[in-house]
Amino acid sequence: MQPFSKLCSLTLKKLVVMRELDKELISVVIAVKIQGSKRILRSHEIVLPPSGVVETDLALTFSLQYPHFLKREGNKLQIMLQRRKRYKNRTILGYKTLAAGSIDMAEVMQHPTEGAGAASLQ
């Protein structure tokens, strides 16, 4: 069965990190992608406070078009917390994923959650 094209709009309003991050970590980015796709959308760098606790208000909106399959597992939206890769205290090309989670888009289509919900990244 052929997939049909859907448009996904994801708005993130708050970032809360429950465990302590590396002391040298000064910024992170939030990345989203559809499972199986090579295209990744990333936010701007989010500067972290010097204390270990992170609770930051956000105003991020990601919009992406994806092929939605009716009879297959593959409709997962992946959300990742990433940092820039480093080598000997120098930033290099690429990102390292610190935490990731996924949302089943088939579930969202059946039970839309307008404006409410929390995603937990592991």
PDB file of N, CA and C in Angstrom:
ATOM      1  N   MET A   1       0.837  -1.175   0.000  1.00  0.00           N
ATOM      2  CA  MET A   1       0.000   0.000   0.000  1.00  0.00           C
ATOM      3  C   MET A   1       0.888   1.247   0.000  1.00  0.00           C
ATOM      4  N   GLN A   2       0.520   2.226  -0.798  1.00  0.00           N
ATOM      5  CA  GLN A   2       1.289   3.458  -0.926  1.00  0.00           C
ATOM      6  C   GLN A   2       1.041   4.379   0.268  1.00  0.00           C
ATOM      7  N   PRO A   3       2.083   5.077   0.698  1.00  0.00           N
ATOM      8  CA  PRO A   3       1.884   6.042   1.785  1.00  0.00           C
ATOM      9  C   PRO A   3       1.197   7.295   1.252  1.00  0.00           C
ATOM     10  N   PHE A   4       0.556   8.042   2.143  1.00  0.00           N
ATOM     11  CA  PHE A   4       0.035   9.333   1.740  1.00  0.00           C
ATOM     12  C   PHE A   4       0.771  10.411   2.528  1.00  0.00           C
ATOM     13  N   SER A   5       0.885  11.577   1.928  1.00  0.00           N
ATOM     14  CA  SER A   5       1.697  12.639   2.499  1.00  0.00           C
ATOM     15  C   SER A   5       0.934  13.384   3.591  1.00  0.00           C
ATOM     16  N   LYS A   6       1.588  13.587   4.740  1.00  0.00           N
ATOM     17  CA  LYS A   6       0.995  14.309   5.868  1.00  0.00           C
ATOM     18  C   LYS A   6       1.938  15.437   6.271  1.00  0.00           C
ATOM     19  N   LEU A   7       1.376  16.462   6.866  1.00  0.00           N
ATOM     20  CA  LEU A   7       2.163  17.569   7.385  1.00  0.00           C
ATOM     21  C   LEU A   7       2.096  17.542   8.906  1.00  0.00           C
ATOM     22  N   CYS A   8       3.248  17.529   9.544  1.00  0.00           N
ATOM     23  CA  CYS A   8       3.337  17.498  11.001  1.00  0.00           C
ATOM     24  C   CYS A   8       3.886  18.835  11.483  1.00  0.00           C
ATOM     25  N   SER A   9       3.200  19.430  12.442  1.00  0.00           N
ATOM     26  CA  SER A   9       3.673  20.656  13.065  1.00  0.00           C
ATOM     27  C   SER A   9       3.832  20.384  14.557  1.00  0.00           C
ATOM     28  N   LEU A  10       5.042  20.536  15.064  1.00  0.00           N
ATOM     29  CA  LEU A  10       5.365  20.253  16.457  1.00  0.00           C
ATOM     30  C   LEU A  10       5.832  21.543  17.116  1.00  0.00           C
ATOM     31  N   THR A  11       5.177  21.913  18.215  1.00  0.00           N
ATOM     32  CA  THR A  11       5.561  23.104  18.965  1.00  0.00           C
ATOM     33  C   THR A  11       6.078  22.687  20.332  1.00  0.00           C
ATOM     34  N   LEU A  12       7.267  23.145  20.676  1.00  0.00           N
ATOM     35  CA  LEU A  12       7.866  22.862  21.980  1.00  0.00           C
ATOM     36  C   LEU A  12       7.882  24.147  22.794  1.00  0.00           C
ATOM     37  N   LYS A  13       7.333  24.066  24.013  1.00  0.00           N
ATOM     38  CA  LYS A  13       7.205  25.260  24.844  1.00  0.00           C
ATOM     39  C   LYS A  13       8.133  25.275  26.046  1.00  0.00           C
ATOM     40  N   LYS A  14       8.620  24.107  26.455  1.00  0.00           N
ATOM     41  CA  LYS A  14       9.474  24.063  27.644  1.00  0.00           C
ATOM     42  C   LYS A  14      10.433  22.891  27.543  1.00  0.00           C
ATOM     43  N   LEU A  15      11.650  23.111  28.008  1.00  0.00           N
ATOM     44  CA  LEU A  15      12.655  22.056  28.111  1.00  0.00           C
ATOM     45  C   LEU A  15      12.996  21.894  29.584  1.00  0.00           C
ATOM     46  N   VAL A  16      12.781  20.691  30.102  1.00  0.00           N
ATOM     47  CA  VAL A  16      13.117  20.374  31.486  1.00  0.00           C
ATOM     48  C   VAL A  16      14.031  19.157  31.462  1.00  0.00           C
ATOM     49  N   VAL A  17      15.233  19.297  32.020  1.00  0.00           N
ATOM     50  CA  VAL A  17      16.176  18.181  32.099  1.00  0.00           C
ATOM     51  C   VAL A  17      16.189  17.709  33.545  1.00  0.00           C
ATOM     52  N   MET A  18      15.802  16.454  33.747  1.00  0.00           N
ATOM     53  CA  MET A  18      15.635  15.906  35.093  1.00  0.00           C
ATOM     54  C   MET A  18      16.946  15.453  35.741  1.00  0.00           C
ATOM     55  N   ARG A  19      17.931  15.105  34.933  1.00  0.00           N
ATOM     56  CA  ARG A  19      19.199  14.663  35.524  1.00  0.00           C
ATOM     57  C   ARG A  19      20.297  15.671  35.193  1.00  0.00           C
ATOM     58  N   GLU A  20      21.342  15.639  35.978  1.00  0.00           N
ATOM     59  CA  GLU A  20      22.418  16.606  35.811  1.00  0.00           C
ATOM     60  C   GLU A  20      23.210  16.306  34.544  1.00  0.00           C
ATOM     61  N   LEU A  21      23.506  17.357  33.800  1.00  0.00           N
ATOM     62  CA  LEU A  21      24.297  17.230  32.581  1.00  0.00           C
ATOM     63  C   LEU A  21      25.764  17.500  32.890  1.00  0.00           C
ATOM     64  N   ASP A  22      26.612  17.215  31.927  1.00  0.00           N
ATOM     65  CA  ASP A  22      28.053  17.459  32.049  1.00  0.00           C
ATOM     66  C   ASP A  22      28.307  18.932  32.382  1.00  0.00           C
ATOM     67  N   LYS A  23      29.181  19.185  33.319  1.00  0.00           N
ATOM     68  CA  LYS A  23      29.472  20.559  33.766  1.00  0.00           C
ATOM     69  C   LYS A  23      30.006  21.437  32.630  1.00  0.00           C
ATOM     70  N   GLU A  24      30.718  20.828  31.691  1.00  0.00           N
ATOM     71  CA  GLU A  24      31.317  21.594  30.595  1.00  0.00           C
ATOM     72  C   GLU A  24      30.332  21.877  29.462  1.00  0.00           C
ATOM     73  N   LEU A  25      29.150  21.307  29.540  1.00  0.00           N
ATOM     74  CA  LEU A  25      28.143  21.486  28.489  1.00  0.00           C
ATOM     75  C   LEU A  25      27.511  22.867  28.624  1.00  0.00           C
ATOM     76  N   ILE A  26      27.672  23.703  27.607  1.00  0.00           N
ATOM     77  CA  ILE A  26      27.141  25.063  27.696  1.00  0.00           C
ATOM     78  C   ILE A  26      25.903  25.280  26.830  1.00  0.00           C
ATOM     79  N   SER A  27      25.687  24.403  25.841  1.00  0.00           N
ATOM     80  CA  SER A  27      24.509  24.561  24.994  1.00  0.00           C
ATOM     81  C   SER A  27      24.095  23.213  24.402  1.00  0.00           C
ATOM     82  N   VAL A  28      22.817  23.133  24.041  1.00  0.00           N
ATOM     83  CA  VAL A  28      22.264  21.946  23.394  1.00  0.00           C
ATOM     84  C   VAL A  28      21.375  22.400  22.241  1.00  0.00           C
ATOM     85  N   VAL A  29      21.029  21.466  21.378  1.00  0.00           N
ATOM     86  CA  VAL A  29      20.042  21.718  20.328  1.00  0.00           C
ATOM     87  C   VAL A  29      18.982  20.629  20.412  1.00  0.00           C
ATOM     88  N   ILE A  30      17.794  20.949  19.931  1.00  0.00           N
ATOM     89  CA  ILE A  30      16.728  19.963  19.839  1.00  0.00           C
ATOM     90  C   ILE A  30      16.574  19.625  18.367  1.00  0.00           C
ATOM     91  N   ALA A  31      16.583  18.332  18.062  1.00  0.00           N
ATOM     92  CA  ALA A  31      16.482  17.869  16.678  1.00  0.00           C
ATOM     93  C   ALA A  31      15.259  16.971  16.538  1.00  0.00           C
ATOM     94  N   VAL A  32      14.583  17.059  15.400  1.00  0.00           N
ATOM     95  CA  VAL A  32      13.445  16.181  15.118  1.00  0.00           C
ATOM     96  C   VAL A  32      13.612  15.575  13.735  1.00  0.00           C
ATOM     97  N   LYS A  33      13.142  14.337  13.593  1.00  0.00           N
ATOM     98  CA  LYS A  33      13.166  13.664  12.291  1.00  0.00           C
ATOM     99  C   LYS A  33      12.140  12.546  12.289  1.00  0.00           C
ATOM    100  N   ILE A  34      11.736  12.151  11.111  1.00  0.00           N
ATOM    101  CA  ILE A  34      10.848  11.006  10.948  1.00  0.00           C
ATOM    102  C   ILE A  34      11.725   9.770  10.814  1.00  0.00           C
ATOM    103  N   GLN A  35      11.344   8.698  11.503  1.00  0.00           N
ATOM    104  CA  GLN A  35      12.101   7.443  11.458  1.00  0.00           C
ATOM    105  C   GLN A  35      12.277   6.996  10.013  1.00  0.00           C
ATOM    106  N   GLY A  36      13.492   6.643   9.655  1.00  0.00           N
ATOM    107  CA  GLY A  36      13.785   6.181   8.301  1.00  0.00           C
ATOM    108  C   GLY A  36      14.180   7.297   7.353  1.00  0.00           C
ATOM    109  N   SER A  37      14.025   8.540   7.766  1.00  0.00           N
ATOM    110  CA  SER A  37      14.394   9.671   6.925  1.00  0.00           C
ATOM    111  C   SER A  37      15.786  10.159   7.310  1.00  0.00           C
ATOM    112  N   LYS A  38      16.516  10.680   6.341  1.00  0.00           N
ATOM    113  CA  LYS A  38      17.841  11.220   6.634  1.00  0.00           C
ATOM    114  C   LYS A  38      17.773  12.705   6.976  1.00  0.00           C
ATOM    115  N   ARG A  39      16.646  13.326   6.699  1.00  0.00           N
ATOM    116  CA  ARG A  39      16.501  14.760   6.929  1.00  0.00           C
ATOM    117  C   ARG A  39      16.216  15.035   8.407  1.00  0.00           C
ATOM    118  N   ILE A  40      17.033  15.876   9.018  1.00  0.00           N
ATOM    119  CA  ILE A  40      16.890  16.232  10.431  1.00  0.00           C
ATOM    120  C   ILE A  40      16.709  17.745  10.530  1.00  0.00           C
ATOM    121  N   LEU A  41      15.715  18.162  11.295  1.00  0.00           N
ATOM    122  CA  LEU A  41      15.520  19.582  11.567  1.00  0.00           C
ATOM    123  C   LEU A  41      16.072  19.875  12.957  1.00  0.00           C
ATOM    124  N   ARG A  42      16.883  20.928  13.068  1.00  0.00           N
ATOM    125  CA  ARG A  42      17.486  21.271  14.358  1.00  0.00           C
ATOM    126  C   ARG A  42      17.120  22.694  14.759  1.00  0.00           C
ATOM    127  N   SER A  43      17.004  22.892  16.065  1.00  0.00           N
ATOM    128  CA  SER A  43      16.762  24.226  16.606  1.00  0.00           C
ATOM    129  C   SER A  43      18.074  25.006  16.640  1.00  0.00           C
ATOM    130  N   HIS A  44      17.966  26.262  17.004  1.00  0.00           N
ATOM    131  CA  HIS A  44      19.170  27.050  17.289  1.00  0.00           C
ATOM    132  C   HIS A  44      19.781  26.497  18.578  1.00  0.00           C
ATOM    133  N   GLU A  45      20.988  26.907  18.902  1.00  0.00           N
ATOM    134  CA  GLU A  45      21.616  26.431  20.140  1.00  0.00           C
ATOM    135  C   GLU A  45      20.912  27.060  21.337  1.00  0.00           C
ATOM    136  N   ILE A  46      20.592  26.222  22.309  1.00  0.00           N
ATOM    137  CA  ILE A  46      19.940  26.667  23.534  1.00  0.00           C
ATOM    138  C   ILE A  46      21.020  26.724  24.610  1.00  0.00           C
ATOM    139  N   VAL A  47      21.304  27.916  25.094  1.00  0.00           N
ATOM    140  CA  VAL A  47      22.353  28.103  26.102  1.00  0.00           C
ATOM    141  C   VAL A  47      21.823  27.634  27.452  1.00  0.00           C
ATOM    142  N   LEU A  48      22.622  26.803  28.120  1.00  0.00           N
ATOM    143  CA  LEU A  48      22.223  26.237  29.406  1.00  0.00           C
ATOM    144  C   LEU A  48      22.712  27.106  30.558  1.00  0.00           C
ATOM    145  N   PRO A  49      21.936  27.156  31.650  1.00  0.00           N
ATOM    146  CA  PRO A  49      22.396  27.907  32.821  1.00  0.00           C
ATOM    147  C   PRO A  49      23.571  27.199  33.485  1.00  0.00           C
ATOM    148  N   PRO A  50      24.396  27.929  34.239  1.00  0.00           N
ATOM    149  CA  PRO A  50      25.570  27.311  34.865  1.00  0.00           C
ATOM    150  C   PRO A  50      25.223  26.259  35.919  1.00  0.00           C
ATOM    151  N   SER A  51      24.042  26.362  36.528  1.00  0.00           N
ATOM    152  CA  SER A  51      23.652  25.345  37.518  1.00  0.00           C
ATOM    153  C   SER A  51      23.302  24.052  36.796  1.00  0.00           C
ATOM    154  N   GLY A  52      23.271  22.947  37.514  1.00  0.00           N
ATOM    155  CA  GLY A  52      23.005  21.649  36.905  1.00  0.00           C
ATOM    156  C   GLY A  52      21.568  21.455  36.462  1.00  0.00           C
ATOM    157  N   VAL A  53      20.636  22.236  37.019  1.00  0.00           N
ATOM    158  CA  VAL A  53      19.217  22.064  36.710  1.00  0.00           C
ATOM    159  C   VAL A  53      18.857  22.891  35.484  1.00  0.00           C
ATOM    160  N   VAL A  54      18.133  22.268  34.548  1.00  0.00           N
ATOM    161  CA  VAL A  54      17.720  22.973  33.336  1.00  0.00           C
ATOM    162  C   VAL A  54      16.201  22.987  33.270  1.00  0.00           C
ATOM    163  N   GLU A  55      15.635  24.181  33.259  1.00  0.00           N
ATOM    164  CA  GLU A  55      14.202  24.375  33.017  1.00  0.00           C
ATOM    165  C   GLU A  55      14.087  25.673  32.238  1.00  0.00           C
ATOM    166  N   THR A  56      13.887  25.549  30.935  1.00  0.00           N
ATOM    167  CA  THR A  56      13.924  26.689  30.035  1.00  0.00           C
ATOM    168  C   THR A  56      12.641  26.771  29.233  1.00  0.00           C
ATOM    169  N   ASP A  57      12.064  27.962  29.161  1.00  0.00           N
ATOM    170  CA  ASP A  57      10.908  28.176  28.299  1.00  0.00           C
ATOM    171  C   ASP A  57      11.397  28.272  26.858  1.00  0.00           C
ATOM    172  N   LEU A  58      10.638  27.658  25.956  1.00  0.00           N
ATOM    173  CA  LEU A  58      10.988  27.644  24.541  1.00  0.00           C
ATOM    174  C   LEU A  58       9.829  28.184  23.713  1.00  0.00           C
ATOM    175  N   ALA A  59      10.114  28.550  22.510  1.00  0.00           N
ATOM    176  CA  ALA A  59       9.094  28.905  21.526  1.00  0.00           C
ATOM    177  C   ALA A  59       9.561  28.338  20.191  1.00  0.00           C
ATOM    178  N   LEU A  60       9.619  27.006  20.115  1.00  0.00           N
ATOM    179  CA  LEU A  60      10.113  26.329  18.913  1.00  0.00           C
ATOM    180  C   LEU A  60       8.962  25.657  18.179  1.00  0.00           C
ATOM    181  N   THR A  61       8.927  25.817  16.877  1.00  0.00           N
ATOM    182  CA  THR A  61       7.946  25.111  16.056  1.00  0.00           C
ATOM    183  C   THR A  61       8.681  24.455  14.899  1.00  0.00           C
ATOM    184  N   PHE A  62       8.471  23.157  14.753  1.00  0.00           N
ATOM    185  CA  PHE A  62       9.031  22.394  13.643  1.00  0.00           C
ATOM    186  C   PHE A  62       7.874  21.964  12.752  1.00  0.00           C
ATOM    187  N   SER A  63       8.005  22.142  11.450  1.00  0.00           N
ATOM    188  CA  SER A  63       7.005  21.661  10.496  1.00  0.00           C
ATOM    189  C   SER A  63       7.706  20.781   9.480  1.00  0.00           C
ATOM    190  N   LEU A  64       7.196  19.570   9.307  1.00  0.00           N
ATOM    191  CA  LEU A  64       7.789  18.688   8.317  1.00  0.00           C
ATOM    192  C   LEU A  64       6.724  17.844   7.641  1.00  0.00           C
ATOM    193  N   GLN A  65       6.950  17.599   6.370  1.00  0.00           N
ATOM    194  CA  GLN A  65       6.058  16.754   5.589  1.00  0.00           C
ATOM    195  C   GLN A  65       6.672  15.365   5.549  1.00  0.00           C
ATOM    196  N   TYR A  66       5.826  14.347   5.715  1.00  0.00           N
ATOM    197  CA  TYR A  66       6.360  12.989   5.767  1.00  0.00           C
ATOM    198  C   TYR A  66       5.378  12.029   5.113  1.00  0.00           C
ATOM    199  N   PRO A  67       5.863  10.883   4.612  1.00  0.00           N
ATOM    200  CA  PRO A  67       4.965   9.868   4.050  1.00  0.00           C
ATOM    201  C   PRO A  67       4.375   9.027   5.183  1.00  0.00           C
ATOM    202  N   HIS A  68       3.049   9.026   5.309  1.00  0.00           N
ATOM    203  CA  HIS A  68       2.391   8.275   6.386  1.00  0.00           C
ATOM    204  C   HIS A  68       1.923   6.930   5.832  1.00  0.00           C
ATOM    205  N   PHE A  69       2.370   5.849   6.460  1.00  0.00           N
ATOM    206  CA  PHE A  69       2.003   4.500   6.039  1.00  0.00           C
ATOM    207  C   PHE A  69       0.837   4.014   6.890  1.00  0.00           C
ATOM    208  N   LEU A  70      -0.178   3.447   6.244  1.00  0.00           N
ATOM    209  CA  LEU A  70      -1.354   2.981   6.980  1.00  0.00           C
ATOM    210  C   LEU A  70      -1.123   1.650   7.666  1.00  0.00           C
ATOM    211  N   LYS A  71      -0.412   0.738   7.042  1.00  0.00           N
ATOM    212  CA  LYS A  71      -0.312  -0.629   7.543  1.00  0.00           C
ATOM    213  C   LYS A  71       1.095  -1.008   7.982  1.00  0.00           C
ATOM    214  N   ARG A  72       1.907  -0.054   8.366  1.00  0.00           N
ATOM    215  CA  ARG A  72       3.291  -0.376   8.657  1.00  0.00           C
ATOM    216  C   ARG A  72       3.803   0.433   9.841  1.00  0.00           C
ATOM    217  N   GLU A  73       4.776  -0.140  10.546  1.00  0.00           N
ATOM    218  CA  GLU A  73       5.467   0.608  11.595  1.00  0.00           C
ATOM    219  C   GLU A  73       6.535   1.453  10.907  1.00  0.00           C
ATOM    220  N   GLY A  74       6.477   2.703  11.032  1.00  0.00           N
ATOM    221  CA  GLY A  74       7.464   3.572  10.397  1.00  0.00           C
ATOM    222  C   GLY A  74       7.004   5.003  10.463  1.00  0.00           C
ATOM    223  N   ASN A  75       5.958   5.224  11.233  1.00  0.00           N
ATOM    224  CA  ASN A  75       5.399   6.560  11.382  1.00  0.00           C
ATOM    225  C   ASN A  75       5.805   7.154  12.725  1.00  0.00           C
ATOM    226  N   LYS A  76       7.073   7.075  13.039  1.00  0.00           N
ATOM    227  CA  LYS A  76       7.533   7.577  14.336  1.00  0.00           C
ATOM    228  C   LYS A  76       8.296   8.889  14.149  1.00  0.00           C
ATOM    229  N   LEU A  77       7.918   9.874  14.941  1.00  0.00           N
ATOM    230  CA  LEU A  77       8.622  11.146  14.975  1.00  0.00           C
ATOM    231  C   LEU A  77       9.644  11.056  16.098  1.00  0.00           C
ATOM    232  N   GLN A  78      10.908  11.212  15.766  1.00  0.00           N
ATOM    233  CA  GLN A  78      11.971  11.112  16.764  1.00  0.00           C
ATOM    234  C   GLN A  78      12.385  12.515  17.201  1.00  0.00           C
ATOM    235  N   ILE A  79      12.483  12.697  18.521  1.00  0.00           N
ATOM    236  CA  ILE A  79      12.905  13.970  19.103  1.00  0.00           C
ATOM    237  C   ILE A  79      14.195  13.703  19.872  1.00  0.00           C
ATOM    238  N   MET A  80      15.219  14.496  19.599  1.00  0.00           N
ATOM    239  CA  MET A  80      16.532  14.251  20.208  1.00  0.00           C
ATOM    240  C   MET A  80      17.094  15.521  20.842  1.00  0.00           C
ATOM    241  N   LEU A  81      17.740  15.350  21.976  1.00  0.00           N
ATOM    242  CA  LEU A  81      18.498  16.418  22.616  1.00  0.00           C
ATOM    243  C   LEU A  81      19.957  16.152  22.254  1.00  0.00           C
ATOM    244  N   GLN A  82      20.594  17.114  21.588  1.00  0.00           N
ATOM    245  CA  GLN A  82      21.943  16.891  21.078  1.00  0.00           C
ATOM    246  C   GLN A  82      22.889  18.015  21.492  1.00  0.00           C
ATOM    247  N   ARG A  83      24.175  17.705  21.410  1.00  0.00           N
ATOM    248  CA  ARG A  83      25.213  18.719  21.580  1.00  0.00           C
ATOM    249  C   ARG A  83      26.176  18.593  20.410  1.00  0.00           C
ATOM    250  N   ARG A  84      26.926  19.649  20.177  1.00  0.00           N
ATOM    251  CA  ARG A  84      27.926  19.598  19.107  1.00  0.00           C
ATOM    252  C   ARG A  84      29.043  18.647  19.501  1.00  0.00           C
ATOM    253  N   LYS A  85      29.581  17.919  18.528  1.00  0.00           N
ATOM    254  CA  LYS A  85      30.701  17.014  18.795  1.00  0.00           C
ATOM    255  C   LYS A  85      31.949  17.828  19.086  1.00  0.00           C
ATOM    256  N   ARG A  86      32.806  17.259  19.938  1.00  0.00           N
ATOM    257  CA  ARG A  86      34.054  17.924  20.304  1.00  0.00           C
ATOM    258  C   ARG A  86      35.205  16.933  20.214  1.00  0.00           C
ATOM    259  N   TYR A  87      36.380  17.457  19.902  1.00  0.00           N
ATOM    260  CA  TYR A  87      37.594  16.651  19.887  1.00  0.00           C
ATOM    261  C   TYR A  87      38.713  17.516  20.444  1.00  0.00           C
ATOM    262  N   LYS A  88      39.288  17.104  21.558  1.00  0.00           N
ATOM    263  CA  LYS A  88      40.357  17.864  22.227  1.00  0.00           C
ATOM    264  C   LYS A  88      39.943  19.324  22.444  1.00  0.00           C
ATOM    265  N   ASN A  89      38.775  19.500  23.051  1.00  0.00           N
ATOM    266  CA  ASN A  89      38.222  20.827  23.380  1.00  0.00           C
ATOM    267  C   ASN A  89      37.950  21.710  22.165  1.00  0.00           C
ATOM    268  N   ARG A  90      37.849  21.115  20.988  1.00  0.00           N
ATOM    269  CA  ARG A  90      37.505  21.876  19.785  1.00  0.00           C
ATOM    270  C   ARG A  90      36.220  21.320  19.211  1.00  0.00           C
ATOM    271  N   THR A  91      35.348  22.210  18.771  1.00  0.00           N
ATOM    272  CA  THR A  91      34.102  21.784  18.150  1.00  0.00           C
ATOM    273  C   THR A  91      34.397  21.265  16.751  1.00  0.00           C
ATOM    274  N   ILE A  92      33.850  20.080  16.434  1.00  0.00           N
ATOM    275  CA  ILE A  92      34.019  19.511  15.097  1.00  0.00           C
ATOM    276  C   ILE A  92      32.640  19.324  14.473  1.00  0.00           C
ATOM    277  N   LEU A  93      32.637  18.955  13.219  1.00  0.00           N
ATOM    278  CA  LEU A  93      31.396  18.776  12.483  1.00  0.00           C
ATOM    279  C   LEU A  93      30.591  17.616  13.057  1.00  0.00           C
ATOM    280  N   GLY A  94      29.308  17.816  13.288  1.00  0.00           N
ATOM    281  CA  GLY A  94      28.437  16.746  13.743  1.00  0.00           C
ATOM    282  C   GLY A  94      27.843  17.002  15.114  1.00  0.00           C
ATOM    283  N   TYR A  95      26.942  16.107  15.508  1.00  0.00           N
ATOM    284  CA  TYR A  95      26.234  16.225  16.774  1.00  0.00           C
ATOM    285  C   TYR A  95      26.237  14.891  17.497  1.00  0.00           C
ATOM    286  N   LYS A  96      26.233  14.945  18.818  1.00  0.00           N
ATOM    287  CA  LYS A  96      26.119  13.745  19.645  1.00  0.00           C
ATOM    288  C   LYS A  96      24.758  13.796  20.324  1.00  0.00           C
ATOM    289  N   THR A  97      24.017  12.686  20.265  1.00  0.00           N
ATOM    290  CA  THR A  97      22.699  12.619  20.883  1.00  0.00           C
ATOM    291  C   THR A  97      22.840  12.295  22.361  1.00  0.00           C
ATOM    292  N   LEU A  98      22.291  13.168  23.205  1.00  0.00           N
ATOM    293  CA  LEU A  98      22.326  12.990  24.655  1.00  0.00           C
ATOM    294  C   LEU A  98      21.102  12.223  25.149  1.00  0.00           C
ATOM    295  N   ALA A  99      19.955  12.454  24.510  1.00  0.00           N
ATOM    296  CA  ALA A  99      18.710  11.771  24.876  1.00  0.00           C
ATOM    297  C   ALA A  99      17.806  11.754  23.654  1.00  0.00           C
ATOM    298  N   ALA A 100      16.958  10.730  23.560  1.00  0.00           N
ATOM    299  CA  ALA A 100      16.054  10.621  22.411  1.00  0.00           C
ATOM    300  C   ALA A 100      14.741   9.991  22.847  1.00  0.00           C
ATOM    301  N   GLY A 101      13.694  10.336  22.144  1.00  0.00           N
ATOM    302  CA  GLY A 101      12.378   9.758  22.376  1.00  0.00           C
ATOM    303  C   GLY A 101      11.611   9.767  21.073  1.00  0.00           C
ATOM    304  N   SER A 102      10.483   9.076  21.034  1.00  0.00           N
ATOM    305  CA  SER A 102       9.716   9.042  19.789  1.00  0.00           C
ATOM    306  C   SER A 102       8.224   9.148  20.074  1.00  0.00           C
ATOM    307  N   ILE A 103       7.513   9.650  19.076  1.00  0.00           N
ATOM    308  CA  ILE A 103       6.064   9.786  19.129  1.00  0.00           C
ATOM    309  C   ILE A 103       5.499   9.006  17.958  1.00  0.00           C
ATOM    310  N   ASP A 104       4.534   8.133  18.229  1.00  0.00           N
ATOM    311  CA  ASP A 104       3.886   7.346  17.182  1.00  0.00           C
ATOM    312  C   ASP A 104       2.858   8.228  16.478  1.00  0.00           C
ATOM    313  N   MET A 105       3.122   8.562  15.214  1.00  0.00           N
ATOM    314  CA  MET A 105       2.253   9.477  14.478  1.00  0.00           C
ATOM    315  C   MET A 105       0.881   8.870  14.187  1.00  0.00           C
ATOM    316  N   ALA A 106       0.793   7.541  14.089  1.00  0.00           N
ATOM    317  CA  ALA A 106      -0.510   6.899  13.892  1.00  0.00           C
ATOM    318  C   ALA A 106      -1.385   7.128  15.120  1.00  0.00           C
ATOM    319  N   GLU A 107      -0.775   7.092  16.293  1.00  0.00           N
ATOM    320  CA  GLU A 107      -1.503   7.341  17.545  1.00  0.00           C
ATOM    321  C   GLU A 107      -1.966   8.794  17.619  1.00  0.00           C
ATOM    322  N   VAL A 108      -1.125   9.710  17.171  1.00  0.00           N
ATOM    323  CA  VAL A 108      -1.476  11.131  17.182  1.00  0.00           C
ATOM    324  C   VAL A 108      -2.632  11.404  16.230  1.00  0.00           C
ATOM    325  N   MET A 109      -2.637  10.731  15.074  1.00  0.00           N
ATOM    326  CA  MET A 109      -3.732  10.932  14.121  1.00  0.00           C
ATOM    327  C   MET A 109      -5.058  10.443  14.689  1.00  0.00           C
ATOM    328  N   GLN A 110      -5.030   9.371  15.472  1.00  0.00           N
ATOM    329  CA  GLN A 110      -6.262   8.825  16.039  1.00  0.00           C
ATOM    330  C   GLN A 110      -6.719   9.607  17.264  1.00  0.00           C
ATOM    331  N   HIS A 111      -5.772  10.113  18.047  1.00  0.00           N
ATOM    332  CA  HIS A 111      -6.087  10.850  19.275  1.00  0.00           C
ATOM    333  C   HIS A 111      -5.250  12.126  19.327  1.00  0.00           C
ATOM    334  N   PRO A 112      -5.628  13.156  18.554  1.00  0.00           N
ATOM    335  CA  PRO A 112      -4.818  14.381  18.540  1.00  0.00           C
ATOM    336  C   PRO A 112      -4.790  15.049  19.917  1.00  0.00           C
ATOM    337  N   THR A 113      -3.625  15.560  20.294  1.00  0.00           N
ATOM    338  CA  THR A 113      -3.477  16.274  21.564  1.00  0.00           C
ATOM    339  C   THR A 113      -3.150  17.718  21.241  1.00  0.00           C
ATOM    340  N   GLU A 114      -4.155  18.543  21.169  1.00  0.00           N
ATOM    341  CA  GLU A 114      -3.975  19.946  20.819  1.00  0.00           C
ATOM    342  C   GLU A 114      -3.487  20.733  22.029  1.00  0.00           C
ATOM    343  N   GLY A 115      -2.226  21.124  22.015  1.00  0.00           N
ATOM    344  CA  GLY A 115      -1.703  21.999  23.046  1.00  0.00           C
ATOM    345  C   GLY A 115      -1.317  21.336  24.355  1.00  0.00           C
ATOM    346  N   ALA A 116      -1.505  20.044  24.496  1.00  0.00           N
ATOM    347  CA  ALA A 116      -1.172  19.404  25.774  1.00  0.00           C
ATOM    348  C   ALA A 116      -0.351  18.155  25.521  1.00  0.00           C
ATOM    349  N   GLY A 117       0.553  17.889  26.415  1.00  0.00           N
ATOM    350  CA  GLY A 117       1.340  16.672  26.308  1.00  0.00           C
ATOM    351  C   GLY A 117       2.789  16.925  26.660  1.00  0.00           C
ATOM    352  N   ALA A 118       3.417  15.882  27.135  1.00  0.00           N
ATOM    353  CA  ALA A 118       4.833  15.956  27.480  1.00  0.00           C
ATOM    354  C   ALA A 118       5.524  14.751  26.877  1.00  0.00           C
ATOM    355  N   ALA A 119       6.688  14.970  26.317  1.00  0.00           N
ATOM    356  CA  ALA A 119       7.474  13.878  25.747  1.00  0.00           C
ATOM    357  C   ALA A 119       8.665  13.628  26.657  1.00  0.00           C
ATOM    358  N   SER A 120       8.880  12.380  26.980  1.00  0.00           N
ATOM    359  CA  SER A 120      10.003  12.002  27.830  1.00  0.00           C
ATOM    360  C   SER A 120      11.101  11.410  26.962  1.00  0.00           C
ATOM    361  N   LEU A 121      12.298  11.965  27.068  1.00  0.00           N
ATOM    362  CA  LEU A 121      13.436  11.475  26.297  1.00  0.00           C
ATOM    363  C   LEU A 121      14.328  10.663  27.214  1.00  0.00           C
ATOM    364  N   GLN A 122      14.821   9.546  26.720  1.00  0.00           N
ATOM    365  CA  GLN A 122      15.677   8.667  27.520  1.00  0.00           C
ATOM    366  C   GLN A 122      17.096   8.737  27.016  1.00  0.00           C
TER     367      GLN A 122
END
